[in-house]
Protein backbone atom coordinates (compact mmCIF):
# COMPACT_ATOMS: atom_id res chain seq x y z
CA MET A 1 0.00 0.00 0.00
CA ASN A 2 1.19 3.52 -0.75
CA THR A 3 1.06 4.78 2.83
CA MET A 4 2.67 8.09 1.85
CA THR A 5 -0.46 8.90 -0.15
CA LEU A 6 -2.62 8.19 2.87
CA TRP A 7 -0.79 10.79 4.93
CA HIS A 8 -0.60 13.50 2.27
CA ILE A 9 -4.29 14.05 1.61
CA THR A 10 -5.58 17.62 1.74
CA GLY A 11 -8.28 18.95 4.02
CA TRP A 12 -10.82 18.82 1.20
CA GLU A 13 -9.87 15.23 0.43
CA PHE A 14 -10.32 14.24 4.07
CA ALA A 15 -13.71 16.00 4.05
CA ALA A 16 -14.69 13.91 1.03
CA LEU A 17 -13.61 10.71 2.81
CA ALA A 18 -15.54 11.78 5.93
CA PHE A 19 -18.68 12.35 3.85
CA ALA A 20 -18.20 8.92 2.26
CA ALA A 21 -17.91 7.37 5.75
CA LEU A 22 -21.14 9.12 6.80
CA LEU A 23 -22.80 7.71 3.70
CA VAL A 24 -21.61 4.22 4.67
CA GLY A 25 -23.48 4.53 7.96
CA PHE A 26 -26.60 5.72 6.16
CA SER A 27 -26.49 2.92 3.60
CA LYS A 28 -26.10 0.24 6.27
CA THR A 29 -29.24 1.30 8.16
CA ALA A 30 -31.39 2.70 5.33
CA VAL A 31 -30.66 2.21 1.61
CA SER A 32 -28.29 -0.70 1.01
CA GLY A 33 -26.21 -0.19 -2.11
CA ALA A 34 -25.88 3.55 -1.61
CA ASN A 35 -22.33 3.02 -0.38
CA THR A 36 -21.25 2.46 -3.99
CA VAL A 37 -20.93 6.25 -3.95
CA SER A 38 -18.56 5.88 -0.99
CA LEU A 39 -16.55 3.36 -2.98
CA ALA A 40 -16.20 5.89 -5.81
CA ILE A 41 -15.12 8.69 -3.44
CA PHE A 42 -12.49 6.53 -1.72
CA ALA A 43 -11.13 5.37 -5.09
CA ALA A 44 -10.98 8.98 -6.33
CA VAL A 45 -9.10 10.33 -3.29
CA LEU A 46 -6.80 7.35 -2.67
CA PRO A 47 -5.02 4.90 -4.99
CA ALA A 48 -7.64 2.43 -6.23
CA ARG A 49 -6.19 -0.69 -4.62
CA ALA A 50 -5.29 1.06 -1.37
CA SER A 51 -8.77 2.53 -1.13
CA THR A 52 -10.35 -0.92 -0.75
CA GLY A 53 -8.17 -1.62 2.29
CA VAL A 54 -9.01 1.70 3.94
CA LEU A 55 -12.72 1.36 3.24
CA LEU A 56 -13.10 -2.18 4.62
CA PRO A 57 -12.83 -1.33 8.37
CA VAL A 58 -15.19 1.61 7.82
CA LEU A 59 -17.71 -0.79 6.31
CA ILE A 60 -17.31 -3.16 9.27
CA ALA A 61 -18.09 -0.30 11.65
CA GLY A 62 -21.28 0.34 9.69
CA ASP A 63 -22.11 -3.37 9.75
CA LEU A 64 -21.84 -3.46 13.56
CA LEU A 65 -24.26 -0.55 13.86
CA ALA A 66 -26.66 -2.18 11.39
CA VAL A 67 -26.60 -5.49 13.30
CA ALA A 68 -27.29 -3.65 16.56
CA THR A 69 -30.27 -1.95 14.91
CA TYR A 70 -31.86 -4.80 12.90
CA ARG A 71 -30.57 -8.00 14.51
CA ARG A 72 -34.09 -9.29 15.24
CA HIS A 73 -35.10 -9.23 11.58
CA ALA A 74 -32.39 -11.45 10.05
CA HIS A 75 -33.47 -14.52 8.05
CA TRP A 76 -30.82 -17.10 8.94
CA PRO A 77 -31.87 -19.89 6.52
CA THR A 78 -31.06 -17.50 3.68
CA LEU A 79 -27.70 -16.60 5.23
CA TRP A 80 -26.62 -20.22 5.71
CA ARG A 81 -27.53 -20.94 2.10
CA LEU A 82 -25.43 -18.03 0.85
CA PHE A 83 -22.22 -18.39 2.84
CA PRO A 84 -20.58 -21.39 1.06
CA ALA A 85 -21.04 -19.74 -2.35
CA VAL A 86 -19.81 -16.40 -1.02
CA ALA A 87 -16.68 -18.05 0.37
CA ALA A 88 -15.95 -19.46 -3.09
CA GLY A 89 -16.48 -16.00 -4.58
CA VAL A 90 -14.07 -14.40 -2.10
CA VAL A 91 -11.36 -16.91 -3.04
CA VAL A 92 -11.94 -16.28 -6.76
CA GLY A 93 -11.85 -12.52 -6.11
CA THR A 94 -8.55 -12.82 -4.23
CA VAL A 95 -6.97 -14.69 -7.15
CA PHE A 96 -8.43 -12.15 -9.57
CA LEU A 97 -6.86 -9.26 -7.63
CA MET A 98 -3.43 -10.86 -7.99
CA TRP A 99 -3.33 -10.17 -11.74
CA ALA A 100 -6.19 -7.87 -12.80
CA ASP A 101 -5.61 -4.13 -13.12
CA ASP A 102 -8.05 -1.48 -11.93
CA ALA A 103 -9.64 -0.99 -15.35
CA ILE A 104 -10.55 -4.67 -15.71
CA VAL A 105 -11.94 -4.80 -12.17
CA ARG A 106 -14.11 -1.70 -12.62
CA THR A 107 -15.48 -2.77 -16.00
CA SER A 108 -16.31 -6.30 -14.86
CA ILE A 109 -18.13 -5.25 -11.70
CA GLY A 110 -19.94 -2.34 -13.36
CA ALA A 111 -21.31 -4.63 -16.06
CA ILE A 112 -22.40 -7.24 -13.50
CA LEU A 113 -24.25 -4.65 -11.39
CA LEU A 114 -26.13 -3.18 -14.35
CA LEU A 115 -27.07 -6.65 -15.63
CA MET A 116 -28.46 -7.73 -12.27
CA ALA A 117 -30.35 -4.46 -11.78
CA GLY A 118 -32.01 -5.02 -15.17
CA VAL A 119 -32.83 -8.65 -14.38
CA THR A 120 -34.32 -7.71 -11.01
CA VAL A 121 -36.54 -5.00 -12.50
CA TRP A 122 -37.73 -7.42 -15.19
CA ARG A 123 -38.44 -10.22 -12.70
CA ARG A 124 -40.42 -7.94 -10.39
CA ARG A 125 -42.52 -6.55 -13.23
CA THR A 126 -43.38 -9.98 -14.62
CA ALA A 127 -43.96 -11.79 -11.32
CA ASP A 128 -47.58 -12.75 -10.65
CA ALA A 129 -47.14 -12.29 -6.91
CA GLU A 130 -44.46 -11.33 -4.43
CA GLN A 131 -42.34 -14.15 -3.17
CA GLU A 132 -41.66 -14.74 0.51
CA PRO A 133 -38.09 -15.28 1.76
CA GLU A 134 -38.89 -18.96 2.39
CA SER A 135 -39.09 -19.47 -1.39
CA VAL A 136 -35.30 -19.80 -1.41
CA THR A 137 -35.80 -23.37 -0.15
CA SER A 138 -36.90 -24.46 -3.64
CA ARG A 139 -34.40 -25.84 -6.13
CA ALA A 140 -34.58 -22.67 -8.24
CA GLY A 141 -34.08 -20.63 -5.08
CA ARG A 142 -30.97 -22.62 -4.15
CA VAL A 143 -29.47 -22.17 -7.62
CA LYS A 144 -30.16 -18.45 -7.47
CA ALA A 145 -28.64 -18.19 -3.99
CA ARG A 146 -25.46 -19.92 -5.14
CA SER A 147 -25.15 -17.74 -8.25
CA TYR A 148 -25.65 -14.49 -6.37
CA GLY A 149 -23.47 -15.74 -3.53
CA VAL A 150 -20.46 -16.34 -5.80
CA LEU A 151 -20.96 -12.97 -7.49
CA GLY A 152 -21.40 -11.26 -4.13
CA GLY A 153 -18.23 -12.79 -2.71
CA PHE A 154 -16.28 -11.91 -5.85
CA THR A 155 -17.43 -8.28 -6.03
CA THR A 156 -17.06 -7.63 -2.31
CA MET A 157 -13.50 -8.96 -2.38
CA VAL A 158 -12.24 -7.07 -5.41
CA ALA A 159 -13.93 -3.70 -4.79
CA ASN A 160 -16.08 -3.79 -1.63
CA ALA A 161 -18.98 -3.70 -4.10
CA GLY A 162 -20.95 -6.70 -2.90
CA GLY A 163 -23.74 -4.56 -1.46
CA PRO A 164 -25.62 -3.99 -4.74
CA VAL A 165 -25.24 -7.66 -5.69
CA MET A 166 -26.82 -8.90 -2.50
CA SER A 167 -29.42 -6.14 -2.62
CA MET A 168 -30.59 -7.47 -5.96
CA TYR A 169 -30.73 -11.01 -4.58
CA LEU A 170 -32.72 -10.07 -1.48
CA LEU A 171 -35.16 -7.97 -3.51
CA SER A 172 -35.64 -10.79 -6.03
CA ALA A 173 -36.27 -13.20 -3.14
CA GLY A 174 -39.16 -11.04 -1.94
CA PHE A 175 -37.72 -9.65 1.30
CA ARG A 176 -39.59 -6.82 2.96
CA LYS A 177 -37.77 -3.76 4.23
CA LEU A 178 -36.80 -4.81 7.77
CA GLY A 179 -36.04 -8.41 6.81
CA PHE A 180 -33.90 -7.08 3.99
CA LEU A 181 -31.91 -4.81 6.33
CA GLY A 182 -31.54 -7.39 9.10
CA THR A 183 -30.39 -10.17 6.79
CA SER A 184 -27.95 -7.96 4.88
CA ALA A 185 -26.56 -6.55 8.16
CA PHE A 186 -25.44 -9.95 9.43
CA PHE A 187 -24.38 -11.06 5.99
CA PHE A 188 -21.95 -8.19 5.47
CA LEU A 189 -20.62 -8.17 9.02
CA ILE A 190 -19.60 -11.82 8.68
CA VAL A 191 -18.31 -11.49 5.11
CA ASN A 192 -16.38 -8.27 5.68
CA VAL A 193 -14.70 -9.58 8.83
CA SER A 194 -13.72 -12.73 6.94
CA LYS A 195 -12.09 -10.56 4.25
CA LEU A 196 -9.67 -8.93 6.70
CA PRO A 197 -6.91 -11.59 6.50
CA PHE A 198 -7.16 -11.70 2.69
CA SER A 199 -6.87 -7.91 2.43
CA ALA A 200 -3.99 -7.80 4.90
CA GLY A 201 -2.24 -10.58 3.01
CA LEU A 202 -2.51 -8.56 -0.20
CA GLY A 203 -0.97 -5.54 1.56
CA LEU A 204 -4.19 -3.52 1.43
CA ILE A 205 -4.39 -3.04 5.21
CA ASP A 206 -1.59 -1.97 7.54
CA GLY A 207 -1.09 0.06 10.72
CA ARG A 208 -1.15 3.42 8.96
CA SER A 209 -4.33 2.70 7.05
CA LEU A 210 -6.00 1.63 10.29
CA LEU A 211 -5.09 4.97 11.90
CA LEU A 212 -6.85 6.76 9.05
CA ASP A 213 -9.82 4.45 9.62
CA LEU A 214 -9.97 5.51 13.27
CA ALA A 215 -10.43 9.10 12.17
CA LEU A 216 -13.12 8.16 9.64
CA VAL A 217 -15.18 5.75 11.75
CA VAL A 218 -16.38 8.70 13.84
CA PHE A 219 -18.44 9.86 10.86
CA VAL A 220 -20.13 6.47 10.35
CA VAL A 221 -22.14 6.82 13.56
CA PRO A 222 -24.24 9.92 12.68
CA GLY A 223 -24.86 8.46 9.22
CA ALA A 224 -26.23 5.27 10.78
CA PHE A 225 -28.52 7.17 13.15
CA PHE A 226 -29.81 9.30 10.28
CA GLY A 227 -30.46 6.14 8.26
CA LYS A 228 -32.38 4.55 11.14
CA TRP A 229 -34.61 7.64 11.30
CA ALA A 230 -35.03 7.87 7.52
CA VAL A 231 -35.93 4.22 6.93
CA ASN A 232 -39.13 4.65 8.96
CA LYS A 233 -40.19 7.40 6.55
CA ILE A 234 -39.68 5.29 3.42
CA ASN A 235 -42.42 2.95 2.18
CA GLN A 236 -41.61 -0.46 0.66
CA ARG A 237 -42.00 0.58 -2.98
CA LEU A 238 -39.80 3.65 -2.61
CA PHE A 239 -37.26 1.58 -0.66
CA GLU A 240 -36.97 -0.91 -3.52
CA GLN A 241 -36.70 1.88 -6.10
CA LEU A 242 -33.91 3.57 -4.13
CA VAL A 243 -31.97 0.30 -3.78
CA ILE A 244 -32.20 -0.39 -7.53
CA ALA A 245 -31.29 3.23 -8.38
CA ALA A 246 -28.23 3.06 -6.12
CA THR A 247 -27.18 -0.15 -7.86
CA VAL A 248 -27.50 1.43 -11.30
CA VAL A 249 -25.53 4.50 -10.21
CA GLY A 250 -22.82 2.27 -8.75
CA GLY A 251 -22.57 0.23 -11.93
CA LEU A 252 -22.40 3.31 -14.17
CA GLN A 253 -19.76 5.07 -12.09
CA LEU A 254 -17.56 1.96 -12.24
CA LEU A 255 -17.95 1.73 -16.03
CA LEU A 256 -17.46 5.44 -16.73
CA ARG A 257 -14.53 6.18 -14.42
């Protein structure tokens, strides 16, 4: 990691990172997928690869706040079904990071996000009725969980961009707002913590990056509290529209950077 870059950011650049950290807190407790904007800000201020290592502990702080807020609403059968596929995706993502440059990573993930956003919109418009989360116990549900799990593990490892992938999966599975937030909170806490040794092994996390994280985590807390307040003001339809819009924005910014 280029630690010199981390310590030579300007005041305006730190303000941008602080805003991105605040947005992480908001996304974890309100509109999942909105932190793709945070990803873009971190990658713009810091070197692309280094930015993923700095952002990861900030995301974990947001995950802890989200779990504390929505822990009663998690759907554990869905989580257990996802984890093996996600683990495979994380391993594939780690190997991918060993040789792929930033341009390949951005283009691949951006295209995946836009494709899944389109598929989700199409599925929801053509469905005869909303599915319940228990529908993932069917054979089709298991195949879908494995597919999204691998993609989620891959994208979260290479660019901390697994949020939109899993958002599309949970929406397509018919999760309501609180179940969506509770399930995704535990999912990302477990996955992001498991990524720490991989990121450290790749040189993306070190002592200096963690000191910068300590300064940024402070801004996650007000964002999370604002998200908790805002989510009660958002109805289910608007919630789904915001999640899909955040996914599209995230995919486009990765493709157009």
